[in-house]
PDB file of N, CA and C in Angstrom:
ATOM      1  N   MET A   1       0.859  -1.174   0.000  1.00  0.00           N
ATOM      2  CA  MET A   1       0.003  -0.002   0.001  1.00  0.00           C
ATOM      3  C   MET A   1       0.901   1.222  -0.002  1.00  0.00           C
ATOM      4  N   SER A   2       0.524   2.206  -0.770  1.00  0.00           N
ATOM      5  CA  SER A   2       1.312   3.424  -0.845  1.00  0.00           C
ATOM      6  C   SER A   2       1.185   4.225   0.448  1.00  0.00           C
ATOM      7  N   VAL A   3       2.158   5.066   0.688  1.00  0.00           N
ATOM      8  CA  VAL A   3       2.157   5.888   1.884  1.00  0.00           C
ATOM      9  C   VAL A   3       1.691   7.293   1.509  1.00  0.00           C
ATOM     10  N   ILE A   4       0.547   7.679   2.034  1.00  0.00           N
ATOM     11  CA  ILE A   4       0.013   9.016   1.812  1.00  0.00           C
ATOM     12  C   ILE A   4      -0.145   9.662   3.178  1.00  0.00           C
ATOM     13  N   ARG A   5       0.504  10.768   3.392  1.00  0.00           N
ATOM     14  CA  ARG A   5       0.458  11.432   4.695  1.00  0.00           C
ATOM     15  C   ARG A   5      -0.848  12.183   4.896  1.00  0.00           C
ATOM     16  N   LYS A   6      -1.138  13.116   4.052  1.00  0.00           N
ATOM     17  CA  LYS A   6      -2.358  13.919   4.127  1.00  0.00           C
ATOM     18  C   LYS A   6      -2.884  14.135   2.719  1.00  0.00           C
ATOM     19  N   VAL A   7      -4.163  14.217   2.627  1.00  0.00           N
ATOM     20  CA  VAL A   7      -4.807  14.435   1.339  1.00  0.00           C
ATOM     21  C   VAL A   7      -5.421  15.816   1.357  1.00  0.00           C
ATOM     22  N   GLY A   8      -5.278  16.530   0.254  1.00  0.00           N
ATOM     23  CA  GLY A   8      -5.827  17.881   0.140  1.00  0.00           C
ATOM     24  C   GLY A   8      -7.345  17.844   0.078  1.00  0.00           C
ATOM     25  N   PRO A   9      -7.931  18.896  -0.392  1.00  0.00           N
ATOM     26  CA  PRO A   9      -9.399  19.003  -0.415  1.00  0.00           C
ATOM     27  C   PRO A   9     -10.038  18.091  -1.464  1.00  0.00           C
ATOM     28  N   ILE A  10     -10.120  16.819  -1.144  1.00  0.00           N
ATOM     29  CA  ILE A  10     -10.809  15.851  -2.002  1.00  0.00           C
ATOM     30  C   ILE A  10     -12.201  15.696  -1.428  1.00  0.00           C
ATOM     31  N   SER A  11     -13.174  15.736  -2.287  1.00  0.00           N
ATOM     32  CA  SER A  11     -14.550  15.818  -1.806  1.00  0.00           C
ATOM     33  C   SER A  11     -15.173  14.494  -1.392  1.00  0.00           C
ATOM     34  N   THR A  12     -14.662  13.377  -1.865  1.00  0.00           N
ATOM     35  CA  THR A  12     -15.363  12.129  -1.565  1.00  0.00           C
ATOM     36  C   THR A  12     -14.441  11.084  -0.943  1.00  0.00           C
ATOM     37  N   ALA A  13     -15.052  10.194  -0.195  1.00  0.00           N
ATOM     38  CA  ALA A  13     -14.327   9.075   0.391  1.00  0.00           C
ATOM     39  C   ALA A  13     -13.813   8.141  -0.699  1.00  0.00           C
ATOM     40  N   GLU A  14     -14.559   8.038  -1.796  1.00  0.00           N
ATOM     41  CA  GLU A  14     -14.136   7.186  -2.905  1.00  0.00           C
ATOM     42  C   GLU A  14     -12.799   7.643  -3.474  1.00  0.00           C
ATOM     43  N   GLN A  15     -12.602   8.940  -3.575  1.00  0.00           N
ATOM     44  CA  GLN A  15     -11.345   9.471  -4.105  1.00  0.00           C
ATOM     45  C   GLN A  15     -10.192   9.202  -3.142  1.00  0.00           C
ATOM     46  N   VAL A  16     -10.429   9.327  -1.856  1.00  0.00           N
ATOM     47  CA  VAL A  16      -9.384   9.071  -0.865  1.00  0.00           C
ATOM     48  C   VAL A  16      -8.986   7.599  -0.905  1.00  0.00           C
ATOM     49  N   VAL A  17      -9.965   6.702  -0.889  1.00  0.00           N
ATOM     50  CA  VAL A  17      -9.680   5.267  -0.913  1.00  0.00           C
ATOM     51  C   VAL A  17      -8.998   4.896  -2.232  1.00  0.00           C
ATOM     52  N   ALA A  18      -9.438   5.476  -3.335  1.00  0.00           N
ATOM     53  CA  ALA A  18      -8.814   5.189  -4.622  1.00  0.00           C
ATOM     54  C   ALA A  18      -7.332   5.583  -4.610  1.00  0.00           C
ATOM     55  N   LEU A  19      -7.013   6.724  -4.024  1.00  0.00           N
ATOM     56  CA  LEU A  19      -5.609   7.140  -3.902  1.00  0.00           C
ATOM     57  C   LEU A  19      -4.817   6.152  -3.041  1.00  0.00           C
ATOM     58  N   LEU A  20      -5.419   5.691  -1.967  1.00  0.00           N
ATOM     59  CA  LEU A  20      -4.721   4.752  -1.091  1.00  0.00           C
ATOM     60  C   LEU A  20      -4.479   3.402  -1.764  1.00  0.00           C
ATOM     61  N   LEU A  21      -5.406   2.977  -2.596  1.00  0.00           N
ATOM     62  CA  LEU A  21      -5.299   1.665  -3.248  1.00  0.00           C
ATOM     63  C   LEU A  21      -4.641   1.751  -4.616  1.00  0.00           C
ATOM     64  N   ASP A  22      -4.178   2.922  -4.979  1.00  0.00           N
ATOM     65  CA  ASP A  22      -3.635   3.142  -6.313  1.00  0.00           C
ATOM     66  C   ASP A  22      -2.442   2.248  -6.636  1.00  0.00           C
ATOM     67  N   ARG A  23      -1.618   1.966  -5.677  1.00  0.00           N
ATOM     68  CA  ARG A  23      -0.410   1.169  -5.924  1.00  0.00           C
ATOM     69  C   ARG A  23      -0.603  -0.325  -5.708  1.00  0.00           C
ATOM     70  N   ALA A  24      -1.770  -0.741  -5.286  1.00  0.00           N
ATOM     71  CA  ALA A  24      -2.012  -2.176  -5.087  1.00  0.00           C
ATOM     72  C   ALA A  24      -2.068  -2.873  -6.432  1.00  0.00           C
ATOM     73  N   ASP A  25      -1.493  -4.054  -6.500  1.00  0.00           N
ATOM     74  CA  ASP A  25      -1.499  -4.844  -7.725  1.00  0.00           C
ATOM     75  C   ASP A  25      -2.764  -5.681  -7.810  1.00  0.00           C
ATOM     76  N   HIS A  26      -3.157  -5.993  -9.049  1.00  0.00           N
ATOM     77  CA  HIS A  26      -4.318  -6.852  -9.286  1.00  0.00           C
ATOM     78  C   HIS A  26      -4.151  -8.138  -8.463  1.00  0.00           C
ATOM     79  N   ASP A  27      -5.199  -8.587  -7.822  1.00  0.00           N
ATOM     80  CA  ASP A  27      -5.240  -9.793  -6.979  1.00  0.00           C
ATOM     81  C   ASP A  27      -4.578  -9.620  -5.611  1.00  0.00           C
ATOM     82  N   ASP A  28      -4.153  -8.407  -5.239  1.00  0.00           N
ATOM     83  CA  ASP A  28      -3.664  -8.171  -3.885  1.00  0.00           C
ATOM     84  C   ASP A  28      -4.830  -8.256  -2.896  1.00  0.00           C
ATOM     85  N   ILE A  29      -4.512  -8.472  -1.645  1.00  0.00           N
ATOM     86  CA  ILE A  29      -5.521  -8.499  -0.583  1.00  0.00           C
ATOM     87  C   ILE A  29      -5.468  -7.160   0.154  1.00  0.00           C
ATOM     88  N   VAL A  30      -6.634  -6.531   0.283  1.00  0.00           N
ATOM     89  CA  VAL A  30      -6.743  -5.234   0.928  1.00  0.00           C
ATOM     90  C   VAL A  30      -7.402  -5.408   2.288  1.00  0.00           C
ATOM     91  N   SER A  31      -6.782  -4.913   3.319  1.00  0.00           N
ATOM     92  CA  SER A  31      -7.349  -4.947   4.663  1.00  0.00           C
ATOM     93  C   SER A  31      -8.323  -3.789   4.845  1.00  0.00           C
ATOM     94  N   VAL A  32      -9.551  -4.106   5.208  1.00  0.00           N
ATOM     95  CA  VAL A  32     -10.543  -3.064   5.467  1.00  0.00           C
ATOM     96  C   VAL A  32     -10.084  -2.206   6.633  1.00  0.00           C
ATOM     97  N   LYS A  33      -9.601  -2.848   7.687  1.00  0.00           N
ATOM     98  CA  LYS A  33      -9.179  -2.139   8.889  1.00  0.00           C
ATOM     99  C   LYS A  33      -8.032  -1.154   8.587  1.00  0.00           C
ATOM    100  N   ALA A  34      -7.018  -1.624   7.886  1.00  0.00           N
ATOM    101  CA  ALA A  34      -5.862  -0.784   7.587  1.00  0.00           C
ATOM    102  C   ALA A  34      -6.230   0.344   6.610  1.00  0.00           C
ATOM    103  N   THR A  35      -7.055   0.032   5.618  1.00  0.00           N
ATOM    104  CA  THR A  35      -7.444   1.047   4.640  1.00  0.00           C
ATOM    105  C   THR A  35      -8.293   2.123   5.302  1.00  0.00           C
ATOM    106  N   MET A  36      -9.201   1.727   6.188  1.00  0.00           N
ATOM    107  CA  MET A  36     -10.018   2.712   6.891  1.00  0.00           C
ATOM    108  C   MET A  36      -9.148   3.612   7.767  1.00  0.00           C
ATOM    109  N   LYS A  37      -8.181   3.014   8.462  1.00  0.00           N
ATOM    110  CA  LYS A  37      -7.292   3.801   9.325  1.00  0.00           C
ATOM    111  C   LYS A  37      -6.484   4.798   8.492  1.00  0.00           C
ATOM    112  N   GLU A  38      -5.941   4.330   7.368  1.00  0.00           N
ATOM    113  CA  GLU A  38      -5.177   5.213   6.487  1.00  0.00           C
ATOM    114  C   GLU A  38      -6.049   6.327   5.923  1.00  0.00           C
ATOM    115  N   ALA A  39      -7.283   5.999   5.559  1.00  0.00           N
ATOM    116  CA  ALA A  39      -8.199   7.004   5.006  1.00  0.00           C
ATOM    117  C   ALA A  39      -8.523   8.068   6.051  1.00  0.00           C
ATOM    118  N   ARG A  40      -8.776   7.641   7.276  1.00  0.00           N
ATOM    119  CA  ARG A  40      -9.089   8.602   8.351  1.00  0.00           C
ATOM    120  C   ARG A  40      -7.879   9.471   8.678  1.00  0.00           C
ATOM    121  N   ASN A  41      -6.680   8.898   8.610  1.00  0.00           N
ATOM    122  CA  ASN A  41      -5.469   9.682   8.866  1.00  0.00           C
ATOM    123  C   ASN A  41      -5.176  10.659   7.743  1.00  0.00           C
ATOM    124  N   ALA A  42      -5.372  10.213   6.504  1.00  0.00           N
ATOM    125  CA  ALA A  42      -5.067  11.046   5.345  1.00  0.00           C
ATOM    126  C   ALA A  42      -6.100  12.143   5.140  1.00  0.00           C
ATOM    127  N   ALA A  43      -7.357  11.845   5.494  1.00  0.00           N
ATOM    128  CA  ALA A  43      -8.444  12.812   5.280  1.00  0.00           C
ATOM    129  C   ALA A  43      -9.339  12.843   6.513  1.00  0.00           C
ATOM    130  N   PRO A  44      -8.901  13.521   7.567  1.00  0.00           N
ATOM    131  CA  PRO A  44      -9.658  13.527   8.821  1.00  0.00           C
ATOM    132  C   PRO A  44     -11.025  14.208   8.728  1.00  0.00           C
ATOM    133  N   TYR A  45     -11.285  14.879   7.646  1.00  0.00           N
ATOM    134  CA  TYR A  45     -12.572  15.571   7.482  1.00  0.00           C
ATOM    135  C   TYR A  45     -13.680  14.657   6.957  1.00  0.00           C
ATOM    136  N   LEU A  46     -13.380  13.397   6.634  1.00  0.00           N
ATOM    137  CA  LEU A  46     -14.408  12.494   6.113  1.00  0.00           C
ATOM    138  C   LEU A  46     -15.547  12.330   7.103  1.00  0.00           C
ATOM    139  N   LEU A  47     -16.760  12.400   6.615  1.00  0.00           N
ATOM    140  CA  LEU A  47     -17.946  12.307   7.469  1.00  0.00           C
ATOM    141  C   LEU A  47     -18.587  10.926   7.449  1.00  0.00           C
ATOM    142  N   GLU A  48     -18.092  10.034   6.594  1.00  0.00           N
ATOM    143  CA  GLU A  48     -18.673   8.697   6.485  1.00  0.00           C
ATOM    144  C   GLU A  48     -18.484   7.904   7.768  1.00  0.00           C
ATOM    145  N   SER A  49     -19.505   7.117   8.116  1.00  0.00           N
ATOM    146  CA  SER A  49     -19.402   6.223   9.262  1.00  0.00           C
ATOM    147  C   SER A  49     -18.480   5.064   8.883  1.00  0.00           C
ATOM    148  N   ASP A  50     -18.113   4.245   9.862  1.00  0.00           N
ATOM    149  CA  ASP A  50     -17.274   3.084   9.580  1.00  0.00           C
ATOM    150  C   ASP A  50     -17.947   2.143   8.598  1.00  0.00           C
ATOM    151  N   GLU A  51     -19.249   1.968   8.727  1.00  0.00           N
ATOM    152  CA  GLU A  51     -19.994   1.083   7.823  1.00  0.00           C
ATOM    153  C   GLU A  51     -19.969   1.636   6.394  1.00  0.00           C
ATOM    154  N   GLU A  52     -20.170   2.927   6.253  1.00  0.00           N
ATOM    155  CA  GLU A  52     -20.148   3.545   4.931  1.00  0.00           C
ATOM    156  C   GLU A  52     -18.752   3.493   4.314  1.00  0.00           C
ATOM    157  N   LEU A  53     -17.746   3.715   5.143  1.00  0.00           N
ATOM    158  CA  LEU A  53     -16.372   3.668   4.645  1.00  0.00           C
ATOM    159  C   LEU A  53     -15.988   2.238   4.262  1.00  0.00           C
ATOM    160  N   THR A  54     -16.476   1.257   5.001  1.00  0.00           N
ATOM    161  CA  THR A  54     -16.242  -0.144   4.641  1.00  0.00           C
ATOM    162  C   THR A  54     -16.826  -0.435   3.269  1.00  0.00           C
ATOM    163  N   GLU A  55     -18.020   0.051   3.009  1.00  0.00           N
ATOM    164  CA  GLU A  55     -18.654  -0.139   1.706  1.00  0.00           C
ATOM    165  C   GLU A  55     -17.838   0.502   0.590  1.00  0.00           C
ATOM    166  N   VAL A  56     -17.293   1.672   0.868  1.00  0.00           N
ATOM    167  CA  VAL A  56     -16.458   2.357  -0.125  1.00  0.00           C
ATOM    168  C   VAL A  56     -15.197   1.539  -0.405  1.00  0.00           C
ATOM    169  N   VAL A  57     -14.560   1.026   0.643  1.00  0.00           N
ATOM    170  CA  VAL A  57     -13.348   0.220   0.469  1.00  0.00           C
ATOM    171  C   VAL A  57     -13.659  -1.017  -0.367  1.00  0.00           C
ATOM    172  N   VAL A  58     -14.745  -1.696  -0.057  1.00  0.00           N
ATOM    173  CA  VAL A  58     -15.120  -2.895  -0.798  1.00  0.00           C
ATOM    174  C   VAL A  58     -15.400  -2.561  -2.264  1.00  0.00           C
ATOM    175  N   THR A  59     -16.135  -1.500  -2.503  1.00  0.00           N
ATOM    176  CA  THR A  59     -16.484  -1.121  -3.870  1.00  0.00           C
ATOM    177  C   THR A  59     -15.243  -0.770  -4.686  1.00  0.00           C
ATOM    178  N   VAL A  60     -14.406   0.102  -4.139  1.00  0.00           N
ATOM    179  CA  VAL A  60     -13.212   0.536  -4.862  1.00  0.00           C
ATOM    180  C   VAL A  60     -12.265  -0.646  -5.083  1.00  0.00           C
ATOM    181  N   ALA A  61     -12.079  -1.473  -4.078  1.00  0.00           N
ATOM    182  CA  ALA A  61     -11.165  -2.608  -4.186  1.00  0.00           C
ATOM    183  C   ALA A  61     -11.637  -3.620  -5.230  1.00  0.00           C
ATOM    184  N   THR A  62     -12.893  -3.956  -5.218  1.00  0.00           N
ATOM    185  CA  THR A  62     -13.386  -4.958  -6.162  1.00  0.00           C
ATOM    186  C   THR A  62     -13.364  -4.437  -7.603  1.00  0.00           C
ATOM    187  N   VAL A  63     -13.632  -3.157  -7.787  1.00  0.00           N
ATOM    188  CA  VAL A  63     -13.555  -2.578  -9.138  1.00  0.00           C
ATOM    189  C   VAL A  63     -12.131  -2.681  -9.662  1.00  0.00           C
ATOM    190  N   ARG A  64     -11.160  -2.580  -8.779  1.00  0.00           N
ATOM    191  CA  ARG A  64      -9.750  -2.646  -9.176  1.00  0.00           C
ATOM    192  C   ARG A  64      -9.217  -4.074  -9.214  1.00  0.00           C
ATOM    193  N   GLY A  65     -10.068  -5.060  -8.984  1.00  0.00           N
ATOM    194  CA  GLY A  65      -9.638  -6.460  -9.037  1.00  0.00           C
ATOM    195  C   GLY A  65      -8.863  -6.911  -7.817  1.00  0.00           C
ATOM    196  N   LEU A  66      -9.130  -6.306  -6.686  1.00  0.00           N
ATOM    197  CA  LEU A  66      -8.442  -6.639  -5.440  1.00  0.00           C
ATOM    198  C   LEU A  66      -9.342  -7.504  -4.563  1.00  0.00           C
ATOM    199  N   PHE A  67      -8.742  -8.311  -3.732  1.00  0.00           N
ATOM    200  CA  PHE A  67      -9.479  -9.078  -2.742  1.00  0.00           C
ATOM    201  C   PHE A  67      -9.596  -8.252  -1.473  1.00  0.00           C
ATOM    202  N   VAL A  68     -10.621  -8.516  -0.672  1.00  0.00           N
ATOM    203  CA  VAL A  68     -10.877  -7.725   0.531  1.00  0.00           C
ATOM    204  C   VAL A  68     -10.857  -8.624   1.757  1.00  0.00           C
ATOM    205  N   ALA A  69     -10.066  -8.238   2.757  1.00  0.00           N
ATOM    206  CA  ALA A  69     -10.021  -8.933   4.039  1.00  0.00           C
ATOM    207  C   ALA A  69     -10.893  -8.143   5.016  1.00  0.00           C
ATOM    208  N   PHE A  70     -11.975  -8.767   5.458  1.00  0.00           N
ATOM    209  CA  PHE A  70     -12.894  -8.119   6.389  1.00  0.00           C
ATOM    210  C   PHE A  70     -12.381  -8.318   7.815  1.00  0.00           C
ATOM    211  N   ASP A  71     -11.425  -7.500   8.195  1.00  0.00           N
ATOM    212  CA  ASP A  71     -10.759  -7.640   9.486  1.00  0.00           C
ATOM    213  C   ASP A  71     -11.023  -6.457  10.410  1.00  0.00           C
ATOM    214  N   SER A  72     -12.050  -5.706  10.144  1.00  0.00           N
ATOM    215  CA  SER A  72     -12.294  -4.496  10.930  1.00  0.00           C
ATOM    216  C   SER A  72     -12.735  -4.774  12.360  1.00  0.00           C
ATOM    217  N   ARG A  73     -13.203  -5.947  12.651  1.00  0.00           N
ATOM    218  CA  ARG A  73     -13.649  -6.288  14.008  1.00  0.00           C
ATOM    219  C   ARG A  73     -12.546  -6.930  14.851  1.00  0.00           C
ATOM    220  N   GLU A  74     -11.373  -7.118  14.281  1.00  0.00           N
ATOM    221  CA  GLU A  74     -10.278  -7.765  15.016  1.00  0.00           C
ATOM    222  C   GLU A  74      -9.680  -6.824  16.029  1.00  0.00           C
TER     223      GLU A  74
END
């Protein structure tokens, strides 16, 4: 996963997650927990709930051909 410190004025959670998953290779496994944490750190202004952000991670990851590890409850 690429390292993004802070994200500028991006309007949607989809754009933030897409930036975070940009460097993942096809068939990589994406951690929901880690991606959500990175998204919240990179864009602290996001208003999406954890459930909504999980949906965004799943949607963006599957469109990019990535597998999703549902580890947010660990």
